[in-house]
Protein backbone atom coordinates (compact mmCIF):
# COMPACT_ATOMS: atom_id res chain seq x y z
CA MET A 1 -17.52 13.98 16.24
CA ILE A 2 -16.49 13.53 19.87
CA SER A 3 -19.49 13.50 22.19
CA LYS A 4 -19.60 15.17 25.61
CA THR A 5 -19.41 11.76 27.28
CA GLU A 6 -16.39 10.78 25.20
CA LYS A 7 -14.74 14.12 26.01
CA LYS A 8 -15.19 13.49 29.74
CA THR A 9 -13.58 10.06 29.36
CA ILE A 10 -10.68 11.51 27.35
CA VAL A 11 -10.11 14.34 29.85
CA LYS A 12 -10.18 11.86 32.74
CA ALA A 13 -7.59 9.66 31.02
CA VAL A 14 -5.29 12.46 29.87
CA GLY A 15 -5.63 14.78 32.84
CA LYS A 16 -5.47 18.54 32.89
CA PRO A 17 -4.30 20.59 31.06
CA TYR A 18 -5.53 18.07 28.51
CA THR A 19 -5.11 20.26 25.42
CA THR A 20 -1.45 20.84 26.20
CA LYS A 21 -0.84 17.18 27.04
CA ILE A 22 -2.46 16.01 23.81
CA PHE A 23 -0.53 18.64 21.82
CA GLU A 24 2.79 17.55 23.36
CA TRP A 25 2.01 13.87 22.74
CA LEU A 26 1.16 14.53 19.09
CA LYS A 27 4.35 16.58 18.74
CA GLU A 28 6.44 13.86 20.41
CA LYS A 29 5.00 11.23 18.06
CA ASP A 30 5.55 13.59 15.10
CA ILE A 31 1.88 13.40 14.16
CA GLN A 32 1.01 16.25 11.80
CA ARG A 33 -1.89 17.56 9.77
CA PRO A 34 -2.07 16.40 6.14
CA ASP A 35 -0.42 19.69 5.09
CA GLY A 36 2.66 18.86 7.19
CA GLN A 37 1.97 21.39 9.95
CA LEU A 38 1.54 20.47 13.59
CA TYR A 39 -1.97 20.34 14.97
CA THR A 40 -2.52 23.40 17.14
CA LYS A 41 -3.98 23.50 20.63
CA THR A 42 -6.92 25.34 19.06
CA ASN A 43 -7.44 22.47 16.58
CA ILE A 44 -7.44 20.01 19.47
CA SER A 45 -9.78 22.14 21.58
CA HIS A 46 -12.26 22.64 18.74
CA VAL A 47 -12.41 18.91 18.02
CA LEU A 48 -12.79 17.99 21.70
CA ASN A 49 -15.51 20.59 22.20
CA GLY A 50 -17.46 19.50 19.13
CA ILE A 51 -16.93 22.80 17.31
CA ARG A 52 -15.21 21.08 14.38
CA GLU A 53 -15.19 17.58 13.07
CA ASN A 54 -11.87 16.08 12.06
CA ILE A 55 -11.96 12.29 11.88
CA LEU A 56 -8.18 12.01 11.57
CA LEU A 57 -7.48 14.18 14.62
CA GLU A 58 -10.25 12.45 16.59
CA GLY A 59 -8.50 9.13 16.01
CA HIS A 60 -5.19 10.57 17.18
CA ILE A 61 -6.84 12.02 20.30
CA VAL A 62 -8.43 8.68 21.18
CA THR A 63 -5.08 6.92 20.69
CA CYS A 64 -3.44 9.53 22.91
CA ALA A 65 -6.10 9.03 25.60
CA ALA A 66 -5.56 5.27 25.47
CA HIS A 67 -1.81 5.85 25.94
CA PHE A 68 -2.41 8.01 29.01
CA ALA A 69 -5.01 5.58 30.42
CA LEU A 70 -2.53 2.71 30.13
CA LYS A 71 0.19 4.82 31.74
CA LEU A 72 -2.18 5.74 34.57
CA LYS A 73 -3.00 2.07 35.12
CA LYS A 74 0.70 1.12 35.23
CA ASP A 75 1.47 3.98 37.63
CA GLN A 76 -1.41 2.88 39.88
CA LYS A 77 -0.02 -0.66 39.99
CA LYS A 78 3.44 0.69 40.90
CA LYS A 79 1.90 2.79 43.66
CA GLU A 80 -0.02 -0.18 45.05
CA ALA A 81 3.12 -2.35 44.96
CA ALA A 82 5.13 0.34 46.76
CA LEU A 83 2.44 0.72 49.43
CA GLU A 84 2.35 -3.04 49.91
CA THR A 85 6.14 -3.06 50.37
CA ILE A 86 5.84 -0.33 52.97
CA LYS A 87 3.11 -2.23 54.82
CA GLN A 88 5.24 -5.36 54.91
CA ALA A 89 8.26 -3.42 56.17
CA VAL A 90 6.34 -1.87 59.07
């Protein structure tokens, strides 16, 4: 089960609206429930809020959060490089 601390970390990595972003990422990666249906935003919300336990979905959510955290880190490096270029040009 995802703890409150873990949820805060996931939300910080993914950003808001986190349920929608996780849903879209799962859909893009074609990650489905064992019955072949897409995970719903409600499924995601219930797992993140500790209402339901779903080990499989929890793993997918953590992988998704890691993806967004890495993307955020890369974007931050690009921003810093662009700012450095601007500083050098001025």
